[in-house]
Amino acid sequence: MTWQDHISVDPLVCHGQACLIGTRVTVSVVLDNLAAGVSREEILKSYPSLKPEDIDACVAYAADLARERIPPLTPKEG
C-alpha cells in the first residue's frame, strides 16, 4: 500500500487540501483525530466513507512529510 493510492490534492476539492480520494475527508482531520486519541474504530464510525487502509495512508503521508521532503502530490484520475 502506498499513500499515493489513497490521497490526492485537487484545487476543486476541499480548497486543495490533501484529502482521501473519493471523499471530502482531509488528511488533517484524520491525523487530528488520531492525535487526540480517537480510536481507529471511532474514526471509521464517524466517517463511514473511510476504510482502514485510508487511516494507514494518512499516517504514511504524515511520515513522509516529517522526513522534511516534499512528497509528490498529483490529482488522481477517476
PDB file of N, CA and C in Angstrom:
ATOM      1  N   MET A   1       0.827  -1.172   0.000  1.00  0.00           N
ATOM      2  CA  MET A   1       0.000   0.000   0.000  1.00  0.00           C
ATOM      3  C   MET A   1       0.880   1.247   0.000  1.00  0.00           C
ATOM      4  N   THR A   2       0.574   2.146  -0.879  1.00  0.00           N
ATOM      5  CA  THR A   2       1.241   3.444  -0.858  1.00  0.00           C
ATOM      6  C   THR A   2       0.178   4.503  -0.599  1.00  0.00           C
ATOM      7  N   TRP A   3       0.563   5.528   0.120  1.00  0.00           N
ATOM      8  CA  TRP A   3      -0.422   6.556   0.440  1.00  0.00           C
ATOM      9  C   TRP A   3      -0.917   7.260  -0.810  1.00  0.00           C
ATOM     10  N   GLN A   4      -0.090   7.287  -1.859  1.00  0.00           N
ATOM     11  CA  GLN A   4      -0.486   7.959  -3.099  1.00  0.00           C
ATOM     12  C   GLN A   4      -1.720   7.308  -3.736  1.00  0.00           C
ATOM     13  N   ASP A   5      -1.990   6.066  -3.402  1.00  0.00           N
ATOM     14  CA  ASP A   5      -3.177   5.391  -3.924  1.00  0.00           C
ATOM     15  C   ASP A   5      -4.453   5.832  -3.208  1.00  0.00           C
ATOM     16  N   HIS A   6      -4.306   6.554  -2.090  1.00  0.00           N
ATOM     17  CA  HIS A   6      -5.453   6.918  -1.264  1.00  0.00           C
ATOM     18  C   HIS A   6      -5.643   8.422  -1.083  1.00  0.00           C
ATOM     19  N   ILE A   7      -4.591   9.198  -1.341  1.00  0.00           N
ATOM     20  CA  ILE A   7      -4.625  10.625  -1.044  1.00  0.00           C
ATOM     21  C   ILE A   7      -4.333  11.428  -2.307  1.00  0.00           C
ATOM     22  N   SER A   8      -5.078  12.498  -2.491  1.00  0.00           N
ATOM     23  CA  SER A   8      -4.813  13.379  -3.626  1.00  0.00           C
ATOM     24  C   SER A   8      -5.058  14.826  -3.226  1.00  0.00           C
ATOM     25  N   VAL A   9      -4.585  15.706  -4.069  1.00  0.00           N
ATOM     26  CA  VAL A   9      -4.824  17.138  -3.907  1.00  0.00           C
ATOM     27  C   VAL A   9      -5.457  17.626  -5.198  1.00  0.00           C
ATOM     28  N   ASP A  10      -6.608  18.239  -5.061  1.00  0.00           N
ATOM     29  CA  ASP A  10      -7.327  18.777  -6.200  1.00  0.00           C
ATOM     30  C   ASP A  10      -7.806  20.165  -5.791  1.00  0.00           C
ATOM     31  N   PRO A  11      -7.418  21.194  -6.527  1.00  0.00           N
ATOM     32  CA  PRO A  11      -7.825  22.545  -6.154  1.00  0.00           C
ATOM     33  C   PRO A  11      -9.341  22.728  -6.064  1.00  0.00           C
ATOM     34  N   LEU A  12     -10.093  21.847  -6.701  1.00  0.00           N
ATOM     35  CA  LEU A  12     -11.547  21.952  -6.689  1.00  0.00           C
ATOM     36  C   LEU A  12     -12.201  21.174  -5.553  1.00  0.00           C
ATOM     37  N   VAL A  13     -11.393  20.447  -4.773  1.00  0.00           N
ATOM     38  CA  VAL A  13     -11.922  19.656  -3.659  1.00  0.00           C
ATOM     39  C   VAL A  13     -11.254  20.124  -2.371  1.00  0.00           C
ATOM     40  N   CYS A  14     -12.039  20.507  -1.412  1.00  0.00           N
ATOM     41  CA  CYS A  14     -11.540  20.936  -0.092  1.00  0.00           C
ATOM     42  C   CYS A  14     -10.467  22.009  -0.193  1.00  0.00           C
ATOM     43  N   HIS A  15     -10.643  22.934  -1.128  1.00  0.00           N
ATOM     44  CA  HIS A  15      -9.717  24.063  -1.300  1.00  0.00           C
ATOM     45  C   HIS A  15      -8.278  23.612  -1.519  1.00  0.00           C
ATOM     46  N   GLY A  16      -8.096  22.447  -2.138  1.00  0.00           N
ATOM     47  CA  GLY A  16      -6.760  21.975  -2.462  1.00  0.00           C
ATOM     48  C   GLY A  16      -6.015  21.308  -1.326  1.00  0.00           C
ATOM     49  N   GLN A  17      -6.684  21.051  -0.212  1.00  0.00           N
ATOM     50  CA  GLN A  17      -6.037  20.336   0.883  1.00  0.00           C
ATOM     51  C   GLN A  17      -5.934  18.857   0.526  1.00  0.00           C
ATOM     52  N   ALA A  18      -4.920  18.208   1.059  1.00  0.00           N
ATOM     53  CA  ALA A  18      -4.777  16.769   0.847  1.00  0.00           C
ATOM     54  C   ALA A  18      -5.985  16.072   1.462  1.00  0.00           C
ATOM     55  N   CYS A  19      -6.666  15.254   0.654  1.00  0.00           N
ATOM     56  CA  CYS A  19      -7.807  14.515   1.181  1.00  0.00           C
ATOM     57  C   CYS A  19      -7.842  13.117   0.591  1.00  0.00           C
ATOM     58  N   LEU A  20      -8.648  12.300   1.214  1.00  0.00           N
ATOM     59  CA  LEU A  20      -8.761  10.918   0.788  1.00  0.00           C
ATOM     60  C   LEU A  20      -9.604  10.848  -0.473  1.00  0.00           C
ATOM     61  N   ILE A  21      -9.100  10.128  -1.441  1.00  0.00           N
ATOM     62  CA  ILE A  21      -9.726  10.038  -2.756  1.00  0.00           C
ATOM     63  C   ILE A  21     -11.167   9.547  -2.630  1.00  0.00           C
ATOM     64  N   GLY A  22     -12.048  10.226  -3.341  1.00  0.00           N
ATOM     65  CA  GLY A  22     -13.459   9.848  -3.348  1.00  0.00           C
ATOM     66  C   GLY A  22     -14.232  10.372  -2.155  1.00  0.00           C
ATOM     67  N   THR A  23     -13.573  11.175  -1.308  1.00  0.00           N
ATOM     68  CA  THR A  23     -14.243  11.746  -0.136  1.00  0.00           C
ATOM     69  C   THR A  23     -13.893  13.224  -0.042  1.00  0.00           C
ATOM     70  N   ARG A  24     -14.474  13.868   0.907  1.00  0.00           N
ATOM     71  CA  ARG A  24     -14.090  15.239   1.260  1.00  0.00           C
ATOM     72  C   ARG A  24     -13.505  15.246   2.669  1.00  0.00           C
ATOM     73  N   VAL A  25     -12.948  14.123   3.060  1.00  0.00           N
ATOM     74  CA  VAL A  25     -12.296  13.999   4.366  1.00  0.00           C
ATOM     75  C   VAL A  25     -10.822  14.323   4.175  1.00  0.00           C
ATOM     76  N   THR A  26     -10.360  15.353   4.868  1.00  0.00           N
ATOM     77  CA  THR A  26      -8.966  15.758   4.709  1.00  0.00           C
ATOM     78  C   THR A  26      -8.053  14.895   5.577  1.00  0.00           C
ATOM     79  N   VAL A  27      -6.825  14.805   5.130  1.00  0.00           N
ATOM     80  CA  VAL A  27      -5.811  14.070   5.885  1.00  0.00           C
ATOM     81  C   VAL A  27      -5.667  14.685   7.271  1.00  0.00           C
ATOM     82  N   SER A  28      -5.709  16.002   7.349  1.00  0.00           N
ATOM     83  CA  SER A  28      -5.531  16.663   8.644  1.00  0.00           C
ATOM     84  C   SER A  28      -6.633  16.285   9.628  1.00  0.00           C
ATOM     85  N   VAL A  29      -7.851  16.071   9.162  1.00  0.00           N
ATOM     86  CA  VAL A  29      -8.939  15.662  10.053  1.00  0.00           C
ATOM     87  C   VAL A  29      -8.632  14.295  10.655  1.00  0.00           C
ATOM     88  N   VAL A  30      -8.182  13.368   9.834  1.00  0.00           N
ATOM     89  CA  VAL A  30      -7.858  12.030  10.330  1.00  0.00           C
ATOM     90  C   VAL A  30      -6.695  12.106  11.323  1.00  0.00           C
ATOM     91  N   LEU A  31      -5.650  12.851  10.968  1.00  0.00           N
ATOM     92  CA  LEU A  31      -4.487  12.953  11.849  1.00  0.00           C
ATOM     93  C   LEU A  31      -4.835  13.675  13.145  1.00  0.00           C
ATOM     94  N   ASP A  32      -5.650  14.719  13.077  1.00  0.00           N
ATOM     95  CA  ASP A  32      -6.081  15.409  14.295  1.00  0.00           C
ATOM     96  C   ASP A  32      -6.831  14.461  15.223  1.00  0.00           C
ATOM     97  N   ASN A  33      -7.693  13.637  14.648  1.00  0.00           N
ATOM     98  CA  ASN A  33      -8.420  12.659  15.461  1.00  0.00           C
ATOM     99  C   ASN A  33      -7.476  11.662  16.114  1.00  0.00           C
ATOM    100  N   LEU A  34      -6.537  11.146  15.349  1.00  0.00           N
ATOM    101  CA  LEU A  34      -5.565  10.201  15.917  1.00  0.00           C
ATOM    102  C   LEU A  34      -4.755  10.864  17.030  1.00  0.00           C
ATOM    103  N   ALA A  35      -4.314  12.092  16.796  1.00  0.00           N
ATOM    104  CA  ALA A  35      -3.520  12.813  17.791  1.00  0.00           C
ATOM    105  C   ALA A  35      -4.325  13.075  19.065  1.00  0.00           C
ATOM    106  N   ALA A  36      -5.627  13.212  18.933  1.00  0.00           N
ATOM    107  CA  ALA A  36      -6.491  13.443  20.088  1.00  0.00           C
ATOM    108  C   ALA A  36      -6.837  12.154  20.823  1.00  0.00           C
ATOM    109  N   GLY A  37      -6.334  11.033  20.318  1.00  0.00           N
ATOM    110  CA  GLY A  37      -6.586   9.758  20.982  1.00  0.00           C
ATOM    111  C   GLY A  37      -7.852   9.055  20.546  1.00  0.00           C
ATOM    112  N   VAL A  38      -8.465   9.540  19.481  1.00  0.00           N
ATOM    113  CA  VAL A  38      -9.664   8.879  18.961  1.00  0.00           C
ATOM    114  C   VAL A  38      -9.238   7.557  18.331  1.00  0.00           C
ATOM    115  N   SER A  39      -9.949   6.492  18.645  1.00  0.00           N
ATOM    116  CA  SER A  39      -9.584   5.177  18.110  1.00  0.00           C
ATOM    117  C   SER A  39      -9.874   5.098  16.617  1.00  0.00           C
ATOM    118  N   ARG A  40      -9.161   4.196  15.962  1.00  0.00           N
ATOM    119  CA  ARG A  40      -9.396   3.962  14.536  1.00  0.00           C
ATOM    120  C   ARG A  40     -10.852   3.574  14.299  1.00  0.00           C
ATOM    121  N   GLU A  41     -11.387   2.740  15.191  1.00  0.00           N
ATOM    122  CA  GLU A  41     -12.764   2.278  15.044  1.00  0.00           C
ATOM    123  C   GLU A  41     -13.738   3.451  15.105  1.00  0.00           C
ATOM    124  N   GLU A  42     -13.488   4.388  16.024  1.00  0.00           N
ATOM    125  CA  GLU A  42     -14.368   5.541  16.153  1.00  0.00           C
ATOM    126  C   GLU A  42     -14.259   6.461  14.934  1.00  0.00           C
ATOM    127  N   ILE A  43     -13.047   6.613  14.402  1.00  0.00           N
ATOM    128  CA  ILE A  43     -12.870   7.423  13.184  1.00  0.00           C
ATOM    129  C   ILE A  43     -13.658   6.798  12.037  1.00  0.00           C
ATOM    130  N   LEU A  44     -13.548   5.493  11.891  1.00  0.00           N
ATOM    131  CA  LEU A  44     -14.272   4.810  10.818  1.00  0.00           C
ATOM    132  C   LEU A  44     -15.784   4.917  11.001  1.00  0.00           C
ATOM    133  N   LYS A  45     -16.225   4.925  12.240  1.00  0.00           N
ATOM    134  CA  LYS A  45     -17.655   5.069  12.510  1.00  0.00           C
ATOM    135  C   LYS A  45     -18.108   6.505  12.201  1.00  0.00           C
ATOM    136  N   SER A  46     -17.266   7.476  12.535  1.00  0.00           N
ATOM    137  CA  SER A  46     -17.614   8.882  12.302  1.00  0.00           C
ATOM    138  C   SER A  46     -17.568   9.257  10.822  1.00  0.00           C
ATOM    139  N   TYR A  47     -16.713   8.581  10.075  1.00  0.00           N
ATOM    140  CA  TYR A  47     -16.538   8.859   8.645  1.00  0.00           C
ATOM    141  C   TYR A  47     -16.721   7.551   7.874  1.00  0.00           C
ATOM    142  N   PRO A  48     -17.967   7.148   7.655  1.00  0.00           N
ATOM    143  CA  PRO A  48     -18.234   5.833   7.057  1.00  0.00           C
ATOM    144  C   PRO A  48     -17.694   5.643   5.641  1.00  0.00           C
ATOM    145  N   SER A  49     -17.314   6.727   4.976  1.00  0.00           N
ATOM    146  CA  SER A  49     -16.745   6.571   3.635  1.00  0.00           C
ATOM    147  C   SER A  49     -15.289   6.110   3.685  1.00  0.00           C
ATOM    148  N   LEU A  50     -14.677   6.119   4.871  1.00  0.00           N
ATOM    149  CA  LEU A  50     -13.271   5.705   5.003  1.00  0.00           C
ATOM    150  C   LEU A  50     -13.148   4.213   5.218  1.00  0.00           C
ATOM    151  N   LYS A  51     -11.991   3.706   4.803  1.00  0.00           N
ATOM    152  CA  LYS A  51     -11.627   2.312   5.030  1.00  0.00           C
ATOM    153  C   LYS A  51     -10.400   2.297   5.932  1.00  0.00           C
ATOM    154  N   PRO A  52     -10.132   1.196   6.618  1.00  0.00           N
ATOM    155  CA  PRO A  52      -8.964   1.148   7.499  1.00  0.00           C
ATOM    156  C   PRO A  52      -7.658   1.540   6.797  1.00  0.00           C
ATOM    157  N   GLU A  53      -7.520   1.149   5.540  1.00  0.00           N
ATOM    158  CA  GLU A  53      -6.284   1.477   4.822  1.00  0.00           C
ATOM    159  C   GLU A  53      -6.151   2.980   4.542  1.00  0.00           C
ATOM    160  N   ASP A  54      -7.269   3.708   4.566  1.00  0.00           N
ATOM    161  CA  ASP A  54      -7.201   5.161   4.415  1.00  0.00           C
ATOM    162  C   ASP A  54      -6.502   5.793   5.621  1.00  0.00           C
ATOM    163  N   ILE A  55      -6.780   5.279   6.801  1.00  0.00           N
ATOM    164  CA  ILE A  55      -6.113   5.785   8.002  1.00  0.00           C
ATOM    165  C   ILE A  55      -4.620   5.481   7.929  1.00  0.00           C
ATOM    166  N   ASP A  56      -4.266   4.286   7.496  1.00  0.00           N
ATOM    167  CA  ASP A  56      -2.849   3.932   7.323  1.00  0.00           C
ATOM    168  C   ASP A  56      -2.184   4.880   6.333  1.00  0.00           C
ATOM    169  N   ALA A  57      -2.888   5.212   5.265  1.00  0.00           N
ATOM    170  CA  ALA A  57      -2.335   6.116   4.250  1.00  0.00           C
ATOM    171  C   ALA A  57      -2.076   7.499   4.841  1.00  0.00           C
ATOM    172  N   CYS A  58      -2.960   7.975   5.695  1.00  0.00           N
ATOM    173  CA  CYS A  58      -2.764   9.282   6.331  1.00  0.00           C
ATOM    174  C   CYS A  58      -1.516   9.282   7.205  1.00  0.00           C
ATOM    175  N   VAL A  59      -1.313   8.218   7.942  1.00  0.00           N
ATOM    176  CA  VAL A  59      -0.126   8.113   8.795  1.00  0.00           C
ATOM    177  C   VAL A  59       1.135   8.044   7.930  1.00  0.00           C
ATOM    178  N   ALA A  60       1.089   7.289   6.849  1.00  0.00           N
ATOM    179  CA  ALA A  60       2.247   7.195   5.948  1.00  0.00           C
ATOM    180  C   ALA A  60       2.543   8.542   5.298  1.00  0.00           C
ATOM    181  N   TYR A  61       1.507   9.271   4.937  1.00  0.00           N
ATOM    182  CA  TYR A  61       1.665  10.609   4.359  1.00  0.00           C
ATOM    183  C   TYR A  61       2.351  11.531   5.370  1.00  0.00           C
ATOM    184  N   ALA A  62       1.897  11.508   6.608  1.00  0.00           N
ATOM    185  CA  ALA A  62       2.499  12.332   7.656  1.00  0.00           C
ATOM    186  C   ALA A  62       3.957  11.952   7.887  1.00  0.00           C
ATOM    187  N   ALA A  63       4.254  10.667   7.828  1.00  0.00           N
ATOM    188  CA  ALA A  63       5.638  10.219   7.996  1.00  0.00           C
ATOM    189  C   ALA A  63       6.514  10.764   6.875  1.00  0.00           C
ATOM    190  N   ASP A  64       6.006  10.772   5.660  1.00  0.00           N
ATOM    191  CA  ASP A  64       6.763  11.345   4.541  1.00  0.00           C
ATOM    192  C   ASP A  64       7.015  12.837   4.768  1.00  0.00           C
ATOM    193  N   LEU A  65       6.013  13.549   5.223  1.00  0.00           N
ATOM    194  CA  LEU A  65       6.191  14.975   5.485  1.00  0.00           C
ATOM    195  C   LEU A  65       7.206  15.216   6.601  1.00  0.00           C
ATOM    196  N   ALA A  66       7.216  14.354   7.595  1.00  0.00           N
ATOM    197  CA  ALA A  66       8.138  14.505   8.727  1.00  0.00           C
ATOM    198  C   ALA A  66       9.593  14.268   8.318  1.00  0.00           C
ATOM    199  N   ARG A  67       9.795  13.636   7.193  1.00  0.00           N
ATOM    200  CA  ARG A  67      11.158  13.400   6.703  1.00  0.00           C
ATOM    201  C   ARG A  67      11.742  14.641   6.046  1.00  0.00           C
ATOM    202  N   GLU A  68      10.991  15.745   6.096  1.00  0.00           N
ATOM    203  CA  GLU A  68      11.438  17.031   5.568  1.00  0.00           C
ATOM    204  C   GLU A  68      11.723  17.007   4.079  1.00  0.00           C
ATOM    205  N   ARG A  69      10.906  16.287   3.372  1.00  0.00           N
ATOM    206  CA  ARG A  69      10.969  16.344   1.924  1.00  0.00           C
ATOM    207  C   ARG A  69       9.544  16.535   1.433  1.00  0.00           C
ATOM    208  N   ILE A  70       9.414  16.992   0.250  1.00  0.00           N
ATOM    209  CA  ILE A  70       8.089  17.265  -0.274  1.00  0.00           C
ATOM    210  C   ILE A  70       7.629  16.078  -1.113  1.00  0.00           C
ATOM    211  N   PRO A  71       6.636  15.334  -0.640  1.00  0.00           N
ATOM    212  CA  PRO A  71       6.144  14.206  -1.405  1.00  0.00           C
ATOM    213  C   PRO A  71       5.348  14.686  -2.613  1.00  0.00           C
ATOM    214  N   PRO A  72       5.481  14.000  -3.736  1.00  0.00           N
ATOM    215  CA  PRO A  72       4.726  14.417  -4.910  1.00  0.00           C
ATOM    216  C   PRO A  72       3.238  14.186  -4.731  1.00  0.00           C
ATOM    217  N   LEU A  73       2.458  15.202  -5.024  1.00  0.00           N
ATOM    218  CA  LEU A  73       1.004  15.086  -4.952  1.00  0.00           C
ATOM    219  C   LEU A  73       0.453  15.453  -6.320  1.00  0.00           C
ATOM    220  N   THR A  74      -0.203  14.515  -6.933  1.00  0.00           N
ATOM    221  CA  THR A  74      -0.812  14.786  -8.225  1.00  0.00           C
ATOM    222  C   THR A  74      -2.274  14.376  -8.147  1.00  0.00           C
ATOM    223  N   PRO A  75      -3.135  15.115  -8.806  1.00  0.00           N
ATOM    224  CA  PRO A  75      -4.551  14.716  -8.816  1.00  0.00           C
ATOM    225  C   PRO A  75      -4.706  13.336  -9.429  1.00  0.00           C
ATOM    226  N   LYS A  76      -5.547  12.524  -8.801  1.00  0.00           N
ATOM    227  CA  LYS A  76      -5.837  11.188  -9.328  1.00  0.00           C
ATOM    228  C   LYS A  76      -6.977  11.284 -10.320  1.00  0.00           C
ATOM    229  N   GLU A  77      -6.853  10.546 -11.384  1.00  0.00           N
ATOM    230  CA  GLU A  77      -7.926  10.489 -12.376  1.00  0.00           C
ATOM    231  C   GLU A  77      -8.902   9.403 -11.944  1.00  0.00           C
ATOM    232  N   GLY A  78     -10.150   9.592 -12.255  1.00  0.00           N
ATOM    233  CA  GLY A  78     -11.065   8.525 -11.979  1.00  0.00           C
ATOM    234  C   GLY A  78     -12.217   8.964 -11.264  1.00  0.00           C
TER     235      GLY A  78
END
